[in-house]
Amino acid sequence: MGSAEEKLETVESKEWYISAYASDGVPTSDHLKLRSASVSLAVDSIPDHHVAVETLWISIDPYLRATMTGTNDGLYFPQFNLNQVILAFGIARVIRSKDSKYSDGDIVLRAFLPVAEYSLLPCDLLTRKLDPASGIPFPDYLSSLAWVGIEVLGQPKSGSNVFVSAAAGGVGMFAGQLAKLKGCKVKLLKEEFGYDDAFNYNSEMSFDATLTKYFPNGIDVYLDNVGGKMLEAVLNHVNVHARIILCGMISQYNKVWTERDGVRNLLNMIGKEVKMEGFMIGSHMDRFADFTVEMESYIKEGKIRSKHVIYYGVESFLESLGSLFSSSNIGKVVIQVKAP
């Protein structure tokens, strides 16, 4: 490559680690801290079947909040150990390889990438290589949750009434557009992404009244990114054989589990024969090639639009994470650590 990294034996890498657990509220600099660590790029220091990488993009997702409480509940993600480097969905470039399957310059996707400028990674945990010529902007690969939620699990039919909560976020913006392409009637962010109607769930006084207004004929598919009172309200408006896909519950992440909103009307699922299913992206990585082919086609044809809230530099991790809970973002929140 001829890059500066190839000429160095050691680099200083800024990295974020957890110094204290945050049981509730948004994590602050009391919990998450930035430090510098030396990373050796010398060939002899890289284990076999490992690569040295420089981080390009980091996905900032609400689920990260659930890994910082010190309590294994809810999403059942393993908690970060104190003093451990934070891990997140991300994209990196290989700068040195000790594995025949990877070459210098390869762009790789990893579900659990250190939030650091440089790192050494075992190759068996790399998700896949990315093709820079595919036509898909790199940050769009970090929104594959939406495709799984709609295409694999939701499976809406043409004419279905589809509700996507938090549709302005990184998952919702793609999920709603995918459903719209399947001929569904989609609610939220009409002007931005071509949905049929929109409302801001943070400013609504009554979710039940709002859903009555926007879904007079009921809901067939609901992709839930909010949880709590919104999920309860949806259960009062579902049609027979509705599907509810649980992708996230951002309204609940900053609460200890004893203070989270309970859902009191689960009985509706029996009478309406509703299917509710949660999912983790790691269980569907075998479909990543299908996601790539379909999204590449849609993006090239202009059928799907994306919007990103981009922070620059690994130093911005704490600020970008906090922004998820401020209701100020429209689009997928990402950090560009280094230009591709």
C-alpha atoms as a PDB file:
ATOM      1  CA  MET A   1       0.000   0.000   0.000  1.00  0.00           C
ATOM      2  CA  GLY A   2       2.881   2.339   0.672  1.00  0.00           C
ATOM      3  CA  SER A   3       1.036   3.794   3.652  1.00  0.00           C
ATOM      4  CA  ALA A   4       2.741   5.335   6.652  1.00  0.00           C
ATOM      5  CA  GLU A   5       1.569   2.416   8.789  1.00  0.00           C
ATOM      6  CA  GLU A   6       3.566  -0.070   6.704  1.00  0.00           C
ATOM      7  CA  LYS A   7       6.767   1.807   7.492  1.00  0.00           C
ATOM      8  CA  LEU A   8       6.135   1.749  11.240  1.00  0.00           C
ATOM      9  CA  GLU A   9       6.740  -1.090  13.646  1.00  0.00           C
ATOM     10  CA  THR A  10       4.580   0.434  16.389  1.00  0.00           C
ATOM     11  CA  VAL A  11       1.701   2.921  16.365  1.00  0.00           C
ATOM     12  CA  GLU A  12      -0.032   4.790  19.136  1.00  0.00           C
ATOM     13  CA  SER A  13      -3.728   3.986  19.075  1.00  0.00           C
ATOM     14  CA  LYS A  14      -6.443   5.910  20.881  1.00  0.00           C
ATOM     15  CA  GLU A  15      -9.061   3.598  22.366  1.00  0.00           C
ATOM     16  CA  TRP A  16     -12.186   3.827  24.514  1.00  0.00           C
ATOM     17  CA  TYR A  17     -12.604   1.631  27.578  1.00  0.00           C
ATOM     18  CA  ILE A  18     -15.130   1.251  30.374  1.00  0.00           C
ATOM     19  CA  SER A  19     -13.887   2.496  33.744  1.00  0.00           C
ATOM     20  CA  ALA A  20     -17.151   2.190  35.707  1.00  0.00           C
ATOM     21  CA  TYR A  21     -20.594   0.737  35.090  1.00  0.00           C
ATOM     22  CA  ALA A  22     -23.622   2.988  34.565  1.00  0.00           C
ATOM     23  CA  SER A  23     -26.693   1.260  36.020  1.00  0.00           C
ATOM     24  CA  ASP A  24     -29.042   3.955  34.738  1.00  0.00           C
ATOM     25  CA  GLY A  25     -28.960   7.145  32.734  1.00  0.00           C
ATOM     26  CA  VAL A  26     -26.694   7.959  29.796  1.00  0.00           C
ATOM     27  CA  PRO A  27     -23.034   6.976  30.328  1.00  0.00           C
ATOM     28  CA  THR A  28     -20.665   9.902  30.859  1.00  0.00           C
ATOM     29  CA  SER A  29     -16.941  10.494  31.096  1.00  0.00           C
ATOM     30  CA  ASP A  30     -17.193   9.019  34.591  1.00  0.00           C
ATOM     31  CA  HIS A  31     -17.887   5.657  32.956  1.00  0.00           C
ATOM     32  CA  LEU A  32     -16.188   5.741  29.551  1.00  0.00           C
ATOM     33  CA  LYS A  33     -12.663   7.027  29.066  1.00  0.00           C
ATOM     34  CA  LEU A  34     -10.172   7.506  26.253  1.00  0.00           C
ATOM     35  CA  ARG A  35      -6.564   6.341  26.491  1.00  0.00           C
ATOM     36  CA  SER A  36      -3.617   5.712  24.213  1.00  0.00           C
ATOM     37  CA  ALA A  37      -2.059   2.280  23.742  1.00  0.00           C
ATOM     38  CA  SER A  38       0.873   1.019  21.682  1.00  0.00           C
ATOM     39  CA  VAL A  39       0.021  -1.482  18.951  1.00  0.00           C
ATOM     40  CA  SER A  40       2.873  -3.391  17.355  1.00  0.00           C
ATOM     41  CA  LEU A  41       2.676  -3.826  13.601  1.00  0.00           C
ATOM     42  CA  ALA A  42       5.841  -5.861  13.398  1.00  0.00           C
ATOM     43  CA  VAL A  43       5.176  -9.061  11.472  1.00  0.00           C
ATOM     44  CA  ASP A  44       6.643 -11.210  14.234  1.00  0.00           C
ATOM     45  CA  SER A  45       4.230  -9.691  16.765  1.00  0.00           C
ATOM     46  CA  ILE A  46       1.087 -10.566  14.778  1.00  0.00           C
ATOM     47  CA  PRO A  47      -0.129 -14.104  15.602  1.00  0.00           C
ATOM     48  CA  ASP A  48      -0.871 -16.527  12.786  1.00  0.00           C
ATOM     49  CA  HIS A  49      -4.377 -16.191  11.312  1.00  0.00           C
ATOM     50  CA  HIS A  50      -4.620 -12.622  12.600  1.00  0.00           C
ATOM     51  CA  VAL A  51      -4.620  -9.246  10.873  1.00  0.00           C
ATOM     52  CA  ALA A  52      -3.574  -5.780  11.940  1.00  0.00           C
ATOM     53  CA  VAL A  53      -6.252  -3.256  10.982  1.00  0.00           C
ATOM     54  CA  GLU A  54      -6.957   0.431  11.057  1.00  0.00           C
ATOM     55  CA  THR A  55     -10.538   1.333  11.877  1.00  0.00           C
ATOM     56  CA  LEU A  56     -12.489   3.238   9.233  1.00  0.00           C
ATOM     57  CA  TRP A  57     -16.096   3.351  10.495  1.00  0.00           C
ATOM     58  CA  ILE A  58     -17.794   2.601  13.811  1.00  0.00           C
ATOM     59  CA  SER A  59     -21.534   2.051  14.111  1.00  0.00           C
ATOM     60  CA  ILE A  60     -23.139   3.809  17.079  1.00  0.00           C
ATOM     61  CA  ASP A  61     -26.166   1.787  18.154  1.00  0.00           C
ATOM     62  CA  PRO A  62     -28.491   1.937  21.177  1.00  0.00           C
ATOM     63  CA  TYR A  63     -27.790  -1.692  22.133  1.00  0.00           C
ATOM     64  CA  LEU A  64     -24.311  -0.616  23.263  1.00  0.00           C
ATOM     65  CA  ARG A  65     -25.952   0.982  26.282  1.00  0.00           C
ATOM     66  CA  ALA A  66     -27.007  -2.472  27.495  1.00  0.00           C
ATOM     67  CA  THR A  67     -23.390  -3.655  27.663  1.00  0.00           C
ATOM     68  CA  MET A  68     -22.401  -1.015  30.209  1.00  0.00           C
ATOM     69  CA  THR A  69     -24.770  -1.593  33.133  1.00  0.00           C
ATOM     70  CA  GLY A  70     -22.801  -4.287  34.952  1.00  0.00           C
ATOM     71  CA  THR A  71     -25.933  -6.461  34.996  1.00  0.00           C
ATOM     72  CA  ASN A  72     -26.752  -9.263  32.561  1.00  0.00           C
ATOM     73  CA  ASP A  73     -30.382  -8.587  31.669  1.00  0.00           C
ATOM     74  CA  GLY A  74     -32.533  -7.498  28.767  1.00  0.00           C
ATOM     75  CA  LEU A  75     -30.479  -7.976  25.615  1.00  0.00           C
ATOM     76  CA  TYR A  76     -28.223 -10.512  27.316  1.00  0.00           C
ATOM     77  CA  PHE A  77     -25.123  -9.059  25.784  1.00  0.00           C
ATOM     78  CA  PRO A  78     -22.075  -9.912  27.874  1.00  0.00           C
ATOM     79  CA  GLN A  79     -21.125  -6.923  29.972  1.00  0.00           C
ATOM     80  CA  PHE A  80     -17.805  -5.302  29.226  1.00  0.00           C
ATOM     81  CA  ASN A  81     -15.264  -5.986  31.906  1.00  0.00           C
ATOM     82  CA  LEU A  82     -13.949  -2.927  33.684  1.00  0.00           C
ATOM     83  CA  ASN A  83     -10.883  -1.574  31.893  1.00  0.00           C
ATOM     84  CA  GLN A  84     -11.924  -3.454  28.720  1.00  0.00           C
ATOM     85  CA  VAL A  85     -11.905  -1.721  25.335  1.00  0.00           C
ATOM     86  CA  ILE A  86     -15.432  -1.082  24.029  1.00  0.00           C
ATOM     87  CA  LEU A  87     -16.487  -3.220  21.059  1.00  0.00           C
ATOM     88  CA  ALA A  88     -18.942  -2.146  18.339  1.00  0.00           C
ATOM     89  CA  PHE A  89     -20.078  -3.038  14.828  1.00  0.00           C
ATOM     90  CA  GLY A  90     -17.513  -1.568  12.488  1.00  0.00           C
ATOM     91  CA  ILE A  91     -15.469  -1.544   9.303  1.00  0.00           C
ATOM     92  CA  ALA A  92     -11.678  -1.641   9.117  1.00  0.00           C
ATOM     93  CA  ARG A  93      -8.861  -1.868   6.591  1.00  0.00           C
ATOM     94  CA  VAL A  94      -6.213  -4.583   6.782  1.00  0.00           C
ATOM     95  CA  ILE A  95      -2.720  -3.089   6.985  1.00  0.00           C
ATOM     96  CA  ARG A  96      -0.805  -6.311   7.716  1.00  0.00           C
ATOM     97  CA  SER A  97      -1.949  -9.896   7.453  1.00  0.00           C
ATOM     98  CA  LYS A  98      -0.766 -13.260   8.788  1.00  0.00           C
ATOM     99  CA  ASP A  99      -3.566 -15.132   7.030  1.00  0.00           C
ATOM    100  CA  SER A 100      -3.652 -16.217   3.389  1.00  0.00           C
ATOM    101  CA  LYS A 101      -7.341 -15.283   3.109  1.00  0.00           C
ATOM    102  CA  TYR A 102      -6.665 -11.595   3.734  1.00  0.00           C
ATOM    103  CA  SER A 103      -4.352  -9.157   2.022  1.00  0.00           C
ATOM    104  CA  ASP A 104      -3.132  -5.688   2.845  1.00  0.00           C
ATOM    105  CA  GLY A 105      -5.792  -3.203   1.800  1.00  0.00           C
ATOM    106  CA  ASP A 106      -8.782  -5.529   2.236  1.00  0.00           C
ATOM    107  CA  ILE A 107     -11.829  -3.840   3.757  1.00  0.00           C
ATOM    108  CA  VAL A 108     -13.442  -6.019   6.417  1.00  0.00           C
ATOM    109  CA  LEU A 109     -16.616  -5.925   8.473  1.00  0.00           C
ATOM    110  CA  ARG A 110     -16.668  -7.108  12.066  1.00  0.00           C
ATOM    111  CA  ALA A 111     -19.573  -7.323  14.482  1.00  0.00           C
ATOM    112  CA  PHE A 112     -17.344  -6.631  17.495  1.00  0.00           C
ATOM    113  CA  LEU A 113     -14.604  -4.245  16.464  1.00  0.00           C
ATOM    114  CA  PRO A 114     -12.577  -2.435  19.130  1.00  0.00           C
ATOM    115  CA  VAL A 115     -13.453   1.239  19.374  1.00  0.00           C
ATOM    116  CA  ALA A 116      -9.848   2.088  18.681  1.00  0.00           C
ATOM    117  CA  GLU A 117      -7.754   3.478  15.875  1.00  0.00           C
ATOM    118  CA  TYR A 118      -5.726   0.268  15.410  1.00  0.00           C
ATOM    119  CA  SER A 119      -6.082  -3.313  16.594  1.00  0.00           C
ATOM    120  CA  LEU A 120      -5.067  -6.933  16.019  1.00  0.00           C
ATOM    121  CA  LEU A 121      -7.960  -9.240  15.138  1.00  0.00           C
ATOM    122  CA  PRO A 122      -8.380 -13.009  14.766  1.00  0.00           C
ATOM    123  CA  CYS A 123      -9.479 -13.749  11.218  1.00  0.00           C
ATOM    124  CA  ASP A 124     -12.074 -16.338  12.196  1.00  0.00           C
ATOM    125  CA  LEU A 125     -14.134 -13.568  13.817  1.00  0.00           C
ATOM    126  CA  LEU A 126     -14.168 -11.269  10.786  1.00  0.00           C
ATOM    127  CA  THR A 127     -17.663 -11.196   9.323  1.00  0.00           C
ATOM    128  CA  ARG A 128     -16.724 -10.742   5.671  1.00  0.00           C
ATOM    129  CA  LYS A 129     -14.788  -8.674   3.163  1.00  0.00           C
ATOM    130  CA  LEU A 130     -16.447  -5.651   1.594  1.00  0.00           C
ATOM    131  CA  ASP A 131     -16.096  -4.637  -2.025  1.00  0.00           C
ATOM    132  CA  PRO A 132     -15.387  -0.899  -2.368  1.00  0.00           C
ATOM    133  CA  ALA A 133     -16.736  -1.095  -5.936  1.00  0.00           C
ATOM    134  CA  SER A 134     -20.115  -2.552  -4.894  1.00  0.00           C
ATOM    135  CA  GLY A 135     -21.891   0.784  -5.026  1.00  0.00           C
ATOM    136  CA  ILE A 136     -22.961   0.581  -1.386  1.00  0.00           C
ATOM    137  CA  PRO A 137     -21.567   3.351   0.855  1.00  0.00           C
ATOM    138  CA  PHE A 138     -19.629   1.730   3.691  1.00  0.00           C
ATOM    139  CA  PRO A 139     -21.890   3.137   6.460  1.00  0.00           C
ATOM    140  CA  ASP A 140     -24.906   1.476   4.827  1.00  0.00           C
ATOM    141  CA  TYR A 141     -23.449  -1.948   5.569  1.00  0.00           C
ATOM    142  CA  LEU A 142     -23.848  -1.065   9.240  1.00  0.00           C
ATOM    143  CA  SER A 143     -27.658  -0.931   8.916  1.00  0.00           C
ATOM    144  CA  SER A 144     -28.216  -4.589   7.998  1.00  0.00           C
ATOM    145  CA  LEU A 145     -30.530  -5.014  11.002  1.00  0.00           C
ATOM    146  CA  ALA A 146     -33.277  -3.292   9.024  1.00  0.00           C
ATOM    147  CA  TRP A 147     -33.071  -5.757   6.149  1.00  0.00           C
ATOM    148  CA  VAL A 148     -33.254  -8.750   8.481  1.00  0.00           C
ATOM    149  CA  GLY A 149     -36.212  -7.261  10.356  1.00  0.00           C
ATOM    150  CA  ILE A 150     -38.291  -6.628   7.248  1.00  0.00           C
ATOM    151  CA  GLU A 151     -37.163  -9.125   4.632  1.00  0.00           C
ATOM    152  CA  VAL A 152     -36.358 -12.157   6.771  1.00  0.00           C
ATOM    153  CA  LEU A 153     -38.691 -11.853   9.773  1.00  0.00           C
ATOM    154  CA  GLY A 154     -41.429  -9.301   9.078  1.00  0.00           C
ATOM    155  CA  GLN A 155     -42.213 -10.525   5.553  1.00  0.00           C
ATOM    156  CA  PRO A 156     -44.943  -7.941   4.879  1.00  0.00           C
ATOM    157  CA  LYS A 157     -47.218  -8.492   1.909  1.00  0.00           C
ATOM    158  CA  SER A 158     -48.218  -5.850  -0.592  1.00  0.00           C
ATOM    159  CA  GLY A 159     -50.939  -3.671   0.901  1.00  0.00           C
ATOM    160  CA  SER A 160     -49.959  -4.456   4.502  1.00  0.00           C
ATOM    161  CA  ASN A 161     -50.066  -1.706   7.090  1.00  0.00           C
ATOM    162  CA  VAL A 162     -46.502  -1.420   8.418  1.00  0.00           C
ATOM    163  CA  PHE A 163     -45.496   0.632  11.438  1.00  0.00           C
ATOM    164  CA  VAL A 164     -41.818   1.334  12.104  1.00  0.00           C
ATOM    165  CA  SER A 165     -41.031   3.078  15.380  1.00  0.00           C
ATOM    166  CA  ALA A 166     -37.943   5.298  15.566  1.00  0.00           C
ATOM    167  CA  ALA A 167     -38.025   5.317  11.775  1.00  0.00           C
ATOM    168  CA  ALA A 168     -35.697   8.301  11.691  1.00  0.00           C
ATOM    169  CA  GLY A 169     -32.887   6.181  13.098  1.00  0.00           C
ATOM    170  CA  GLY A 170     -30.312   3.999  11.425  1.00  0.00           C
ATOM    171  CA  VAL A 171     -32.472   0.869  11.391  1.00  0.00           C
ATOM    172  CA  GLY A 172     -35.852   2.492  10.885  1.00  0.00           C
ATOM    173  CA  MET A 173     -34.904   4.583   7.857  1.00  0.00           C
ATOM    174  CA  PHE A 174     -34.073   1.463   5.833  1.00  0.00           C
ATOM    175  CA  ALA A 175     -36.803  -0.744   7.273  1.00  0.00           C
ATOM    176  CA  GLY A 176     -39.574   1.637   6.257  1.00  0.00           C
ATOM    177  CA  GLN A 177     -38.228   2.076   2.754  1.00  0.00           C
ATOM    178  CA  LEU A 178     -37.844  -1.687   2.277  1.00  0.00           C
ATOM    179  CA  ALA A 179     -41.443  -2.212   3.336  1.00  0.00           C
ATOM    180  CA  LYS A 180     -42.572   0.569   1.004  1.00  0.00           C
ATOM    181  CA  LEU A 181     -40.799  -1.150  -1.895  1.00  0.00           C
ATOM    182  CA  LYS A 182     -42.851  -4.266  -1.149  1.00  0.00           C
ATOM    183  CA  GLY A 183     -46.048  -2.281  -1.684  1.00  0.00           C
ATOM    184  CA  CYS A 184     -46.875  -1.704   1.970  1.00  0.00           C
ATOM    185  CA  LYS A 185     -48.426   1.356   3.577  1.00  0.00           C
ATOM    186  CA  VAL A 186     -45.719   2.722   5.868  1.00  0.00           C
ATOM    187  CA  LYS A 187     -46.006   5.325   8.586  1.00  0.00           C
ATOM    188  CA  LEU A 188     -43.257   7.779   9.631  1.00  0.00           C
ATOM    189  CA  LEU A 189     -40.971  10.367   8.046  1.00  0.00           C
ATOM    190  CA  LYS A 190     -43.065  10.940   4.952  1.00  0.00           C
ATOM    191  CA  GLU A 191     -41.052  13.836   3.574  1.00  0.00           C
ATOM    192  CA  GLU A 192     -37.611  12.370   4.158  1.00  0.00           C
ATOM    193  CA  PHE A 193     -37.944   8.808   2.958  1.00  0.00           C
ATOM    194  CA  GLY A 194     -41.238   8.607   1.069  1.00  0.00           C
ATOM    195  CA  TYR A 195     -43.365   7.059   3.809  1.00  0.00           C
ATOM    196  CA  ASP A 196     -47.134   7.442   3.761  1.00  0.00           C
ATOM    197  CA  ASP A 197     -47.363   9.409   6.994  1.00  0.00           C
ATOM    198  CA  ALA A 198     -45.344  10.567   9.981  1.00  0.00           C
ATOM    199  CA  PHE A 199     -45.486  11.453  13.647  1.00  0.00           C
ATOM    200  CA  ASN A 200     -42.961  12.136  16.403  1.00  0.00           C
ATOM    201  CA  TYR A 201     -43.493   9.614  19.192  1.00  0.00           C
ATOM    202  CA  ASN A 202     -41.644  11.831  21.673  1.00  0.00           C
ATOM    203  CA  SER A 203     -44.238  14.599  21.354  1.00  0.00           C
ATOM    204  CA  GLU A 204     -47.430  12.553  21.252  1.00  0.00           C
ATOM    205  CA  MET A 205     -49.650  12.791  24.335  1.00  0.00           C
ATOM    206  CA  SER A 206     -51.469   9.508  23.681  1.00  0.00           C
ATOM    207  CA  PHE A 207     -49.950   6.694  21.645  1.00  0.00           C
ATOM    208  CA  ASP A 208     -53.315   4.967  21.529  1.00  0.00           C
ATOM    209  CA  ALA A 209     -55.048   8.005  20.021  1.00  0.00           C
ATOM    210  CA  THR A 210     -52.197   8.515  17.575  1.00  0.00           C
ATOM    211  CA  LEU A 211     -52.299   4.933  16.333  1.00  0.00           C
ATOM    212  CA  THR A 212     -56.078   5.155  15.971  1.00  0.00           C
ATOM    213  CA  LYS A 213     -55.554   8.184  13.723  1.00  0.00           C
ATOM    214  CA  TYR A 214     -52.760   6.744  11.586  1.00  0.00           C
ATOM    215  CA  PHE A 215     -53.872   3.107  11.501  1.00  0.00           C
ATOM    216  CA  PRO A 216     -57.695   3.104  11.290  1.00  0.00           C
ATOM    217  CA  ASN A 217     -57.476  -0.344   9.663  1.00  0.00           C
ATOM    218  CA  GLY A 218     -55.025  -1.777  12.175  1.00  0.00           C
ATOM    219  CA  ILE A 219     -51.362  -2.816  12.020  1.00  0.00           C
ATOM    220  CA  ASP A 220     -50.130  -5.887  10.168  1.00  0.00           C
ATOM    221  CA  VAL A 221     -46.380  -5.611  10.771  1.00  0.00           C
ATOM    222  CA  TYR A 222     -44.632  -3.658  13.501  1.00  0.00           C
ATOM    223  CA  LEU A 223     -40.854  -3.230  13.689  1.00  0.00           C
ATOM    224  CA  ASP A 224     -40.216  -2.154  17.257  1.00  0.00           C
ATOM    225  CA  ASN A 225     -37.225   0.010  18.103  1.00  0.00           C
ATOM    226  CA  VAL A 226     -38.833   1.801  21.077  1.00  0.00           C
ATOM    227  CA  GLY A 227     -40.539  -0.732  23.380  1.00  0.00           C
ATOM    228  CA  GLY A 228     -42.369   0.143  26.590  1.00  0.00           C
ATOM    229  CA  LYS A 229     -45.573   2.134  26.266  1.00  0.00           C
ATOM    230  CA  MET A 230     -45.306   2.223  22.480  1.00  0.00           C
ATOM    231  CA  LEU A 231     -45.287  -1.569  22.266  1.00  0.00           C
ATOM    232  CA  GLU A 232     -48.254  -1.739  24.614  1.00  0.00           C
ATOM    233  CA  ALA A 233     -50.199   0.741  22.465  1.00  0.00           C
ATOM    234  CA  VAL A 234     -49.410  -1.207  19.292  1.00  0.00           C
ATOM    235  CA  LEU A 235     -50.857  -4.377  20.819  1.00  0.00           C
ATOM    236  CA  ASN A 236     -54.197  -2.589  21.043  1.00  0.00           C
ATOM    237  CA  HIS A 237     -54.153  -1.961  17.276  1.00  0.00           C
ATOM    238  CA  VAL A 238     -52.769  -5.143  15.745  1.00  0.00           C
ATOM    239  CA  ASN A 239     -54.738  -7.117  13.194  1.00  0.00           C
ATOM    240  CA  VAL A 240     -55.225 -10.878  13.240  1.00  0.00           C
ATOM    241  CA  HIS A 241     -51.982 -12.705  12.437  1.00  0.00           C
ATOM    242  CA  ALA A 242     -49.924  -9.543  12.814  1.00  0.00           C
ATOM    243  CA  ARG A 243     -46.162  -9.836  13.129  1.00  0.00           C
ATOM    244  CA  ILE A 244     -44.175  -7.862  15.706  1.00  0.00           C
ATOM    245  CA  ILE A 245     -40.415  -7.821  15.212  1.00  0.00           C
ATOM    246  CA  LEU A 246     -38.435  -6.717  18.265  1.00  0.00           C
ATOM    247  CA  CYS A 247     -35.300  -4.969  17.065  1.00  0.00           C
ATOM    248  CA  GLY A 248     -34.613  -2.691  20.023  1.00  0.00           C
ATOM    249  CA  MET A 249     -36.203  -0.756  22.875  1.00  0.00           C
ATOM    250  CA  ILE A 250     -34.450   2.570  23.124  1.00  0.00           C
ATOM    251  CA  SER A 251     -37.007   3.949  25.598  1.00  0.00           C
ATOM    252  CA  GLN A 252     -35.895   1.365  28.164  1.00  0.00           C
ATOM    253  CA  TYR A 253     -32.105   1.178  27.917  1.00  0.00           C
ATOM    254  CA  ASN A 254     -31.329   3.879  30.466  1.00  0.00           C
ATOM    255  CA  LYS A 255     -33.538   2.352  33.181  1.00  0.00           C
ATOM    256  CA  VAL A 256     -32.765  -0.426  35.622  1.00  0.00           C
ATOM    257  CA  TRP A 257     -34.996  -3.389  34.828  1.00  0.00           C
ATOM    258  CA  THR A 258     -37.275  -2.867  37.861  1.00  0.00           C
ATOM    259  CA  GLU A 259     -38.195   0.594  36.548  1.00  0.00           C
ATOM    260  CA  ARG A 260     -38.822  -0.354  32.934  1.00  0.00           C
ATOM    261  CA  ASP A 261     -42.313  -0.093  31.483  1.00  0.00           C
ATOM    262  CA  GLY A 262     -44.218  -3.351  31.587  1.00  0.00           C
ATOM    263  CA  VAL A 263     -46.586  -4.400  28.797  1.00  0.00           C
ATOM    264  CA  ARG A 264     -49.988  -5.184  30.284  1.00  0.00           C
ATOM    265  CA  ASN A 265     -51.971  -6.366  27.273  1.00  0.00           C
ATOM    266  CA  LEU A 266     -50.036  -9.390  26.033  1.00  0.00           C
ATOM    267  CA  LEU A 267     -53.342 -11.250  26.116  1.00  0.00           C
ATOM    268  CA  ASN A 268     -54.120  -9.520  22.817  1.00  0.00           C
ATOM    269  CA  MET A 269     -51.477 -11.694  21.205  1.00  0.00           C
ATOM    270  CA  ILE A 270     -53.564 -14.770  21.900  1.00  0.00           C
ATOM    271  CA  GLY A 271     -56.869 -13.451  20.627  1.00  0.00           C
ATOM    272  CA  LYS A 272     -55.297 -11.911  17.529  1.00  0.00           C
ATOM    273  CA  GLU A 273     -52.875 -14.830  17.010  1.00  0.00           C
ATOM    274  CA  VAL A 274     -49.960 -12.427  16.853  1.00  0.00           C
ATOM    275  CA  LYS A 275     -46.389 -13.571  16.311  1.00  0.00           C
ATOM    276  CA  MET A 276     -43.789 -11.572  18.249  1.00  0.00           C
ATOM    277  CA  GLU A 277     -40.126 -12.318  17.653  1.00  0.00           C
ATOM    278  CA  GLY A 278     -36.900 -10.771  18.836  1.00  0.00           C
ATOM    279  CA  PHE A 279     -33.652 -11.175  16.948  1.00  0.00           C
ATOM    280  CA  MET A 280     -29.935 -10.528  17.067  1.00  0.00           C
ATOM    281  CA  ILE A 281     -28.035  -9.687  13.899  1.00  0.00           C
ATOM    282  CA  GLY A 282     -25.351 -12.251  14.703  1.00  0.00           C
ATOM    283  CA  SER A 283     -27.849 -15.059  14.154  1.00  0.00           C
ATOM    284  CA  HIS A 284     -28.466 -13.955  10.575  1.00  0.00           C
ATOM    285  CA  MET A 285     -25.004 -13.211   9.208  1.00  0.00           C
ATOM    286  CA  ASP A 286     -25.437 -16.168   6.849  1.00  0.00           C
ATOM    287  CA  ARG A 287     -27.865 -13.907   4.934  1.00  0.00           C
ATOM    288  CA  PHE A 288     -25.374 -11.064   4.589  1.00  0.00           C
ATOM    289  CA  ALA A 289     -24.640 -11.870   0.931  1.00  0.00           C
ATOM    290  CA  ASP A 290     -28.384 -11.649   0.166  1.00  0.00           C
ATOM    291  CA  PHE A 291     -28.531  -8.302   1.951  1.00  0.00           C
ATOM    292  CA  THR A 292     -25.598  -7.016  -0.098  1.00  0.00           C
ATOM    293  CA  VAL A 293     -27.066  -8.036  -3.453  1.00  0.00           C
ATOM    294  CA  GLU A 294     -30.503  -6.595  -2.750  1.00  0.00           C
ATOM    295  CA  MET A 295     -29.320  -3.346  -1.182  1.00  0.00           C
ATOM    296  CA  GLU A 296     -26.763  -2.775  -3.933  1.00  0.00           C
ATOM    297  CA  SER A 297     -29.526  -2.998  -6.497  1.00  0.00           C
ATOM    298  CA  TYR A 298     -31.864  -0.659  -4.616  1.00  0.00           C
ATOM    299  CA  ILE A 299     -29.177   1.945  -3.961  1.00  0.00           C
ATOM    300  CA  LYS A 300     -27.926   1.983  -7.556  1.00  0.00           C
ATOM    301  CA  GLU A 301     -31.485   2.372  -8.820  1.00  0.00           C
ATOM    302  CA  GLY A 302     -32.175   5.195  -6.372  1.00  0.00           C
ATOM    303  CA  LYS A 303     -34.979   3.250  -4.708  1.00  0.00           C
ATOM    304  CA  ILE A 304     -33.478   3.554  -1.246  1.00  0.00           C
ATOM    305  CA  ARG A 305     -31.941   6.649   0.270  1.00  0.00           C
ATOM    306  CA  SER A 306     -29.746   6.820   3.311  1.00  0.00           C
ATOM    307  CA  LYS A 307     -28.909   9.594   5.710  1.00  0.00           C
ATOM    308  CA  HIS A 308     -26.016   9.579   8.127  1.00  0.00           C
ATOM    309  CA  VAL A 309     -25.098  11.611  11.170  1.00  0.00           C
ATOM    310  CA  ILE A 310     -21.322  11.469  10.936  1.00  0.00           C
ATOM    311  CA  TYR A 311     -18.943  12.177  13.787  1.00  0.00           C
ATOM    312  CA  TYR A 312     -15.258  12.417  13.018  1.00  0.00           C
ATOM    313  CA  GLY A 313     -12.405  10.837  14.925  1.00  0.00           C
ATOM    314  CA  VAL A 314     -12.456   8.099  17.538  1.00  0.00           C
ATOM    315  CA  GLU A 315     -12.427  10.827  20.195  1.00  0.00           C
ATOM    316  CA  SER A 316     -16.110  11.522  19.426  1.00  0.00           C
ATOM    317  CA  PHE A 317     -17.392   8.145  20.664  1.00  0.00           C
ATOM    318  CA  LEU A 318     -18.835   9.385  23.959  1.00  0.00           C
ATOM    319  CA  GLU A 319     -20.576  12.339  22.330  1.00  0.00           C
ATOM    320  CA  SER A 320     -21.999  10.224  19.522  1.00  0.00           C
ATOM    321  CA  LEU A 321     -23.304   7.577  21.936  1.00  0.00           C
ATOM    322  CA  GLY A 322     -25.055  10.226  24.025  1.00  0.00           C
ATOM    323  CA  SER A 323     -26.660  11.706  20.925  1.00  0.00           C
ATOM    324  CA  LEU A 324     -28.726   8.523  20.435  1.00  0.00           C
ATOM    325  CA  PHE A 325     -30.782   9.389  23.502  1.00  0.00           C
ATOM    326  CA  SER A 326     -31.310  13.067  22.719  1.00  0.00           C
ATOM    327  CA  SER A 327     -33.984  12.596  19.992  1.00  0.00           C
ATOM    328  CA  SER A 328     -31.976  14.971  17.810  1.00  0.00           C
ATOM    329  CA  ASN A 329     -30.779  12.570  15.108  1.00  0.00           C
ATOM    330  CA  ILE A 330     -32.307  11.768  11.750  1.00  0.00           C
ATOM    331  CA  GLY A 331     -30.281   9.008  10.162  1.00  0.00           C
ATOM    332  CA  LYS A 332     -27.699   6.433  11.080  1.00  0.00           C
ATOM    333  CA  VAL A 333     -25.126   7.622  13.638  1.00  0.00           C
ATOM    334  CA  VAL A 334     -21.582   6.613  12.690  1.00  0.00           C
ATOM    335  CA  ILE A 335     -18.037   7.653  13.424  1.00  0.00           C
ATOM    336  CA  GLN A 336     -15.592   8.063  10.584  1.00  0.00           C
ATOM    337  CA  VAL A 337     -12.361   7.189  12.317  1.00  0.00           C
ATOM    338  CA  LYS A 338     -10.241   7.407   9.202  1.00  0.00           C
ATOM    339  CA  ALA A 339     -11.029   8.223   5.588  1.00  0.00           C
ATOM    340  CA  PRO A 340     -11.146   5.108   3.344  1.00  0.00           C
END
